[in-house]
């Protein structure tokens, strides 16, 4: 972290809710590093049990450790015992983030273009070169950074953070505390055409996109407006960079969509679904609650709740892993068959 941000071990213990501490250090903590690269004045953490053997040799001045860690700190080193070191580090980083990117003061920048019928709460911030069209509503505490476009009759709730270059197209809705990384497009046209007399005739896309509370969407991801009705993303869902969500898709609550996932039109993801990077989901299917798909999985059929699949076409995860092992043995198998044929 930058040198402007520094905490004492006692301050860190309070922020992360340490259950107990051991050892001490007089150094302020000014940076975060891995166990193997940390130096004096750094904070490190044991977030994965496979790195446990690195803790005794770590030079970090402060370490976030699970409650069951049994070692002792070196002189000038403090151990902070927490329920979950990774979560504890996230809480500390959230505090640091507030220092690095403080919320701008409420108000509308003079270079913003705001329609007279737009309603912007006095506690909201609209940054330079934003365009706010007719009938837009922006709630208290929301921040629109530079060059954000908000189309007519769009709704942005309270406490949202919309980063530079985002587009929230007409009639689309963000609920509360939605976070959009740079370049997100909400409400681009769904990809729909009919082949008529030798030409691809565009199907008008007249629906909207509705984003629930506490949703986060990564840079340059796109969510298409519905052909009719709504494209929906449920409360608490987290979407990575470069994800495509097509028209009339319904994504449930608290789902995870990793980078480069593509979801075809009119598909439903029920709550708590996890899709690994580059997974592709066909149209007009349902992925059951709590299902998981590994990276680059191709999903073409409905999945029952709780499925765990991998591969293209998707099959149960453990079966796909076994087949991968057998696939690597095929050259030897063919040699054996050839030898048997010669005999």
Protein backbone atom coordinates (compact mmCIF):
# COMPACT_ATOMS: atom_id res chain seq x y z
CA UNK A 1 0.00 0.00 0.00
CA UNK A 2 1.23 3.57 -0.50
CA UNK A 3 3.41 5.05 2.22
CA UNK A 4 0.65 7.54 3.05
CA UNK A 5 -1.37 4.64 4.45
CA UNK A 6 0.08 3.07 7.58
CA UNK A 7 -1.44 1.40 10.63
CA UNK A 8 -0.17 0.22 13.98
CA UNK A 9 -0.69 -3.47 14.78
CA UNK A 10 -3.24 -2.43 17.42
CA UNK A 11 -5.24 -0.51 14.81
CA UNK A 12 -5.13 -3.49 12.46
CA UNK A 13 -6.28 -5.81 15.26
CA UNK A 14 -9.31 -3.57 15.84
CA UNK A 15 -10.16 -3.29 12.15
CA UNK A 16 -10.00 -7.05 11.49
CA UNK A 17 -11.55 -8.09 14.80
CA UNK A 18 -8.59 -10.15 16.01
CA UNK A 19 -9.57 -12.71 18.66
CA UNK A 20 -6.14 -12.53 20.30
CA UNK A 21 -2.57 -11.44 19.57
CA UNK A 22 0.92 -12.70 20.35
CA UNK A 23 4.23 -10.84 20.21
CA UNK A 24 4.78 -7.19 19.42
CA UNK A 25 6.44 -4.83 16.98
CA UNK A 26 7.22 -1.14 17.14
CA UNK A 27 7.11 -0.72 13.35
CA UNK A 28 4.10 0.82 11.59
CA UNK A 29 2.60 -1.45 8.95
CA UNK A 30 2.88 0.25 5.57
CA UNK A 31 2.53 -2.54 3.02
CA UNK A 32 1.02 -5.98 2.38
CA UNK A 33 3.03 -8.86 0.94
CA UNK A 34 3.02 -12.63 0.58
CA UNK A 35 4.60 -14.74 3.30
CA UNK A 36 7.71 -15.43 1.21
CA UNK A 37 8.34 -11.86 0.01
CA UNK A 38 7.32 -9.83 3.07
CA UNK A 39 9.89 -7.66 4.84
CA UNK A 40 10.01 -5.62 8.04
CA UNK A 41 7.08 -3.19 8.13
CA UNK A 42 4.88 -5.49 6.01
CA UNK A 43 1.69 -7.34 6.84
CA UNK A 44 1.17 -10.87 5.56
CA UNK A 45 -1.46 -13.56 6.07
CA UNK A 46 -2.01 -17.30 5.95
CA UNK A 47 -5.03 -17.61 3.70
CA UNK A 48 -4.26 -21.08 2.33
CA UNK A 49 -3.15 -24.01 4.47
CA UNK A 50 -0.58 -25.16 1.88
CA UNK A 51 1.57 -22.11 2.75
CA UNK A 52 1.61 -22.87 6.48
CA UNK A 53 5.25 -23.98 6.33
CA UNK A 54 6.26 -20.49 5.14
CA UNK A 55 5.04 -18.74 8.30
CA UNK A 56 8.09 -19.45 10.54
CA UNK A 57 10.47 -17.99 7.93
CA UNK A 58 8.35 -14.97 7.00
CA UNK A 59 9.97 -11.60 7.70
CA UNK A 60 6.61 -9.79 7.98
CA UNK A 61 6.22 -7.60 11.05
CA UNK A 62 2.55 -8.58 11.41
CA UNK A 63 0.76 -11.73 10.31
CA UNK A 64 -2.93 -12.60 10.14
CA UNK A 65 -3.22 -16.23 11.20
CA UNK A 66 -6.04 -18.72 11.78
CA UNK A 67 -7.01 -19.50 15.35
CA UNK A 68 -5.48 -22.99 15.21
CA UNK A 69 -1.98 -21.85 14.24
CA UNK A 70 0.40 -23.11 16.93
CA UNK A 71 3.73 -21.38 16.20
CA UNK A 72 5.34 -18.47 18.05
CA UNK A 73 6.28 -15.03 16.66
CA UNK A 74 9.89 -13.99 16.28
CA UNK A 75 11.22 -10.93 18.16
CA UNK A 76 9.77 -7.77 16.63
CA UNK A 77 6.86 -9.70 15.11
CA UNK A 78 3.19 -9.82 16.05
CA UNK A 79 0.67 -12.56 15.28
CA UNK A 80 -2.98 -11.52 14.92
CA UNK A 81 -5.30 -14.50 15.30
CA UNK A 82 -8.57 -14.27 13.38
CA UNK A 83 -11.41 -16.55 12.32
CA UNK A 84 -10.55 -16.23 8.62
CA UNK A 85 -7.30 -14.51 7.58
CA UNK A 86 -8.49 -13.89 4.02
CA UNK A 87 -11.68 -12.20 5.20
CA UNK A 88 -9.70 -10.22 7.77
CA UNK A 89 -7.35 -8.96 5.06
CA UNK A 90 -10.34 -7.98 2.94
CA UNK A 91 -11.70 -5.87 5.80
CA UNK A 92 -8.36 -4.12 6.16
CA UNK A 93 -8.17 -3.51 2.41
CA UNK A 94 -11.68 -2.04 2.51
CA UNK A 95 -10.44 0.50 5.06
CA UNK A 96 -7.38 1.24 2.91
CA UNK A 97 -9.59 1.64 -0.14
CA UNK A 98 -11.52 4.38 1.61
CA UNK A 99 -8.25 6.27 2.09
CA UNK A 100 -6.99 5.73 -1.45
CA UNK A 101 -10.27 6.48 -3.23
CA UNK A 102 -12.31 8.69 -0.92
CA UNK A 103 -15.87 9.37 -1.93
CA UNK A 104 -16.06 12.67 -3.81
CA UNK A 105 -18.13 15.51 -2.44
CA UNK A 106 -21.80 15.67 -3.44
CA UNK A 107 -22.66 17.83 -6.39
CA UNK A 108 -22.75 18.00 -10.18
CA UNK A 109 -19.59 18.91 -12.09
CA UNK A 110 -19.99 21.99 -14.32
CA UNK A 111 -19.06 19.99 -17.43
CA UNK A 112 -21.81 17.39 -16.90
CA UNK A 113 -24.86 17.57 -19.17
CA UNK A 114 -27.98 17.04 -17.09
CA UNK A 115 -31.52 17.12 -18.48
CA UNK A 116 -33.85 19.48 -16.60
CA UNK A 117 -36.24 16.61 -15.77
CA UNK A 118 -33.54 14.46 -14.15
CA UNK A 119 -33.76 14.04 -10.37
CA UNK A 120 -30.37 13.88 -8.67
CA UNK A 121 -30.29 13.61 -4.91
CA UNK A 122 -28.35 16.39 -3.23
CA UNK A 123 -26.10 13.79 -1.61
CA UNK A 124 -25.12 12.24 -4.97
CA UNK A 125 -22.03 13.05 -7.05
CA UNK A 126 -22.04 13.44 -10.85
CA UNK A 127 -18.54 13.77 -12.26
CA UNK A 128 -17.07 15.58 -15.26
CA UNK A 129 -18.45 14.95 -18.75
CA UNK A 130 -21.33 12.78 -17.55
CA UNK A 131 -24.55 12.83 -19.57
CA UNK A 132 -27.82 12.43 -17.67
CA UNK A 133 -30.91 12.26 -19.86
CA UNK A 134 -34.59 13.06 -19.24
CA UNK A 135 -36.39 11.40 -16.35
CA UNK A 136 -33.30 9.86 -14.75
CA UNK A 137 -33.33 9.35 -10.98
CA UNK A 138 -30.09 9.09 -8.97
CA UNK A 139 -30.26 8.25 -5.26
CA UNK A 140 -28.45 9.56 -2.20
CA UNK A 141 -24.77 8.76 -1.84
CA UNK A 142 -24.34 7.43 -5.38
CA UNK A 143 -21.19 8.41 -7.28
CA UNK A 144 -20.90 8.70 -11.04
CA UNK A 145 -17.29 9.24 -12.04
CA UNK A 146 -16.18 10.81 -15.31
CA UNK A 147 -17.89 10.22 -18.67
CA UNK A 148 -20.81 8.13 -17.46
CA UNK A 149 -23.89 8.03 -19.69
CA UNK A 150 -27.32 7.47 -18.14
CA UNK A 151 -30.19 7.11 -20.60
CA UNK A 152 -33.71 8.44 -20.29
CA UNK A 153 -35.88 7.17 -17.41
CA UNK A 154 -33.03 5.07 -15.99
CA UNK A 155 -32.92 4.58 -12.22
CA UNK A 156 -29.85 4.48 -9.97
CA UNK A 157 -30.47 3.72 -6.31
CA UNK A 158 -28.59 4.77 -3.20
CA UNK A 159 -24.90 4.24 -2.54
CA UNK A 160 -23.98 3.07 -6.03
CA UNK A 161 -20.49 3.60 -7.47
CA UNK A 162 -20.31 3.92 -11.27
CA UNK A 163 -16.77 4.17 -12.59
CA UNK A 164 -15.57 6.04 -15.69
CA UNK A 165 -16.93 5.19 -19.10
CA UNK A 166 -19.96 3.19 -18.00
CA UNK A 167 -23.26 3.23 -19.89
CA UNK A 168 -26.61 2.72 -18.19
CA UNK A 169 -29.03 2.76 -21.06
CA UNK A 170 -32.60 4.02 -21.12
CA UNK A 171 -35.17 2.46 -18.77
CA UNK A 172 -32.60 0.31 -16.95
CA UNK A 173 -32.45 0.09 -13.16
CA UNK A 174 -29.68 -0.23 -10.60
CA UNK A 175 -30.86 -0.92 -7.06
CA UNK A 176 -28.75 0.08 -4.03
CA UNK A 177 -24.98 -0.22 -3.53
CA UNK A 178 -24.35 -1.48 -7.05
CA UNK A 179 -20.73 -1.17 -8.18
CA UNK A 180 -19.83 -0.93 -11.87
CA UNK A 181 -16.18 -1.10 -12.93
CA UNK A 182 -14.98 0.99 -15.91
CA UNK A 183 -16.58 0.36 -19.25
CA UNK A 184 -19.62 -1.64 -18.12
CA UNK A 185 -22.60 -1.44 -20.45
CA UNK A 186 -26.05 -2.01 -18.97
CA UNK A 187 -28.84 -2.19 -21.52
CA UNK A 188 -27.17 -2.71 -24.89
CA UNK A 189 -29.54 -4.25 -27.45
CA UNK A 190 -30.09 -7.98 -27.23
CA UNK A 191 -28.70 -9.88 -30.22
CA UNK A 192 -31.84 -10.84 -32.11
CA UNK A 193 -32.51 -11.21 -35.85
CA UNK A 194 -34.92 -13.07 -38.12
CA UNK A 195 -33.83 -14.28 -41.54
CA UNK A 196 -36.39 -12.81 -43.93
CA UNK A 197 -36.13 -12.95 -47.72
CA UNK A 198 -32.38 -13.41 -47.71
CA UNK A 199 -31.64 -10.73 -45.12
CA UNK A 200 -31.12 -10.60 -41.35
CA UNK A 201 -33.94 -8.42 -40.10
CA UNK A 202 -33.36 -6.87 -36.66
CA UNK A 203 -35.78 -7.77 -33.88
CA UNK A 204 -36.41 -4.66 -31.76
CA UNK A 205 -35.25 -5.04 -28.16
CA UNK A 206 -37.77 -3.07 -26.10
CA UNK A 207 -37.23 -4.52 -22.61
CA UNK A 208 -34.94 -3.37 -19.81
CA UNK A 209 -32.22 -4.55 -17.40
CA UNK A 210 -32.80 -4.69 -13.65
CA UNK A 211 -29.80 -5.02 -11.29
CA UNK A 212 -30.41 -5.96 -7.64
CA UNK A 213 -28.85 -4.68 -4.43
CA UNK A 214 -25.11 -5.18 -3.79
CA UNK A 215 -24.29 -6.44 -7.28
CA UNK A 216 -20.77 -5.83 -8.59
CA UNK A 217 -19.94 -5.96 -12.30
CA UNK A 218 -16.40 -6.07 -13.69
CA UNK A 219 -14.77 -3.95 -16.35
CA UNK A 220 -16.12 -4.08 -19.91
CA UNK A 221 -18.88 -6.56 -19.10
CA UNK A 222 -22.15 -6.18 -21.01
CA UNK A 223 -25.71 -6.95 -20.00
CA UNK A 224 -28.20 -6.80 -22.85
CA UNK A 225 -31.67 -5.38 -22.51
CA UNK A 226 -34.51 -7.86 -22.92
CA UNK A 227 -36.35 -8.39 -26.16
CA UNK A 228 -39.39 -7.74 -23.97
CA UNK A 229 -39.82 -7.71 -20.20
CA UNK A 230 -36.51 -7.72 -18.26
CA UNK A 231 -32.98 -9.06 -18.07
CA UNK A 232 -32.36 -9.56 -14.34
CA UNK A 233 -29.35 -9.89 -12.04
CA UNK A 234 -30.24 -10.82 -8.48
CA UNK A 235 -29.08 -9.39 -5.19
CA UNK A 236 -25.45 -9.94 -4.21
CA UNK A 237 -24.30 -11.46 -7.49
CA UNK A 238 -20.69 -10.75 -8.50
CA UNK A 239 -19.70 -10.56 -12.16
CA UNK A 240 -16.08 -10.50 -13.32
CA UNK A 241 -14.54 -8.60 -16.24
CA UNK A 242 -15.53 -9.29 -19.86
CA UNK A 243 -18.73 -11.21 -19.13
CA UNK A 244 -21.64 -11.25 -21.59
CA UNK A 245 -25.20 -11.64 -20.30
CA UNK A 246 -27.70 -11.84 -23.15
CA UNK A 247 -31.30 -10.67 -23.44
CA UNK A 248 -33.95 -12.02 -21.08
CA UNK A 249 -31.40 -13.88 -18.96
CA UNK A 250 -32.30 -14.18 -15.28
CA UNK A 251 -29.34 -14.49 -12.92
CA UNK A 252 -30.32 -15.37 -9.36
CA UNK A 253 -29.04 -14.11 -6.03
CA UNK A 254 -25.40 -14.41 -4.92
CA UNK A 255 -24.11 -16.02 -8.11
CA UNK A 256 -20.46 -15.79 -9.23
CA UNK A 257 -19.68 -15.33 -12.94
CA UNK A 258 -15.95 -15.41 -13.65
CA UNK A 259 -14.16 -13.66 -16.51
CA UNK A 260 -15.30 -14.24 -20.10
CA UNK A 261 -18.42 -16.19 -19.17
CA UNK A 262 -21.07 -15.96 -21.87
CA UNK A 263 -24.76 -16.62 -21.19
CA UNK A 264 -27.15 -16.97 -24.11
CA UNK A 265 -30.63 -15.51 -24.22
CA UNK A 266 -33.58 -16.53 -22.03
CA UNK A 267 -31.49 -18.74 -19.76
CA UNK A 268 -32.05 -18.83 -16.00
CA UNK A 269 -29.33 -19.22 -13.39
CA UNK A 270 -30.89 -19.97 -10.04
CA UNK A 271 -29.38 -18.67 -6.78
CA UNK A 272 -25.76 -19.39 -5.79
CA UNK A 273 -24.61 -20.67 -9.19
CA UNK A 274 -20.85 -20.42 -9.89
CA UNK A 275 -19.50 -20.38 -13.45
CA UNK A 276 -15.73 -20.62 -14.00
CA UNK A 277 -13.87 -18.49 -16.51
CA UNK A 278 -14.89 -18.80 -20.17
CA UNK A 279 -17.82 -21.07 -19.37
CA UNK A 280 -20.45 -20.88 -22.09
CA UNK A 281 -24.16 -21.31 -21.39
CA UNK A 282 -26.64 -22.09 -24.14
CA UNK A 283 -29.99 -20.40 -24.47
CA UNK A 284 -33.39 -21.28 -22.98
CA UNK A 285 -32.03 -23.58 -20.25
CA UNK A 286 -32.06 -23.54 -16.44
CA UNK A 287 -28.99 -24.02 -14.24
CA UNK A 288 -30.21 -25.25 -10.87
CA UNK A 289 -29.55 -23.63 -7.52
CA UNK A 290 -26.04 -24.01 -6.15
CA UNK A 291 -24.62 -25.58 -9.31
CA UNK A 292 -20.95 -25.12 -10.25
CA UNK A 293 -19.26 -25.32 -13.65
CA UNK A 294 -15.50 -25.34 -14.17
CA UNK A 295 -13.60 -23.06 -16.53
CA UNK A 296 -14.40 -23.43 -20.25
CA UNK A 297 -17.36 -25.68 -19.55
CA UNK A 298 -20.01 -25.81 -22.27
CA UNK A 299 -23.54 -25.99 -20.86
CA UNK A 300 -26.25 -26.90 -23.36
CA UNK A 301 -28.87 -28.59 -21.20
CA UNK A 302 -30.70 -27.98 -17.92
CA UNK A 303 -28.77 -28.82 -14.76
CA UNK A 304 -30.50 -29.98 -11.57
CA UNK A 305 -29.73 -28.10 -8.36
CA UNK A 306 -26.35 -28.82 -6.80
CA UNK A 307 -24.67 -30.07 -9.98
CA UNK A 308 -20.89 -29.89 -10.34
CA UNK A 309 -19.81 -30.20 -13.96
CA UNK A 310 -16.86 -29.67 -16.27
CA UNK A 311 -15.94 -30.07 -19.92
CA UNK A 312 -17.76 -29.63 -23.23
CA UNK A 313 -20.36 -30.96 -23.34
CA UNK A 314 -20.71 -30.66 -19.58
CA UNK A 315 -20.51 -33.89 -17.60
CA UNK A 316 -20.10 -34.55 -13.86
CA UNK A 317 -16.83 -33.06 -12.65
CA UNK A 318 -15.17 -36.21 -11.28
CA UNK A 319 -16.09 -38.21 -14.39
CA UNK A 320 -14.57 -35.53 -16.61
CA UNK A 321 -11.36 -35.56 -14.54
CA UNK A 322 -11.12 -39.36 -14.90
CA UNK A 323 -11.65 -39.13 -18.64
CA UNK A 324 -8.86 -36.55 -18.88
CA UNK A 325 -6.47 -38.98 -17.19
CA UNK A 326 -7.55 -41.80 -19.52
CA UNK A 327 -7.22 -39.48 -22.53
CA UNK A 328 -3.52 -39.00 -21.75
CA UNK A 329 -3.08 -42.79 -21.74
CA UNK A 330 -4.60 -43.29 -25.20
CA UNK A 331 -1.27 -43.25 -27.15
CA UNK A 332 0.10 -46.09 -25.00
CA UNK A 333 -3.19 -47.97 -25.33
CA UNK A 334 -3.06 -47.74 -29.14
CA UNK A 335 0.52 -49.03 -29.13
CA UNK A 336 -0.57 -52.00 -27.06
CA UNK A 337 -3.47 -52.71 -29.41
CA UNK A 338 -1.15 -52.52 -32.43
CA UNK A 339 1.25 -54.92 -30.71
CA UNK A 340 -1.60 -57.35 -29.99
CA UNK A 341 -2.75 -57.17 -33.61
CA UNK A 342 0.76 -58.03 -34.86
CA UNK A 343 0.90 -61.01 -32.51
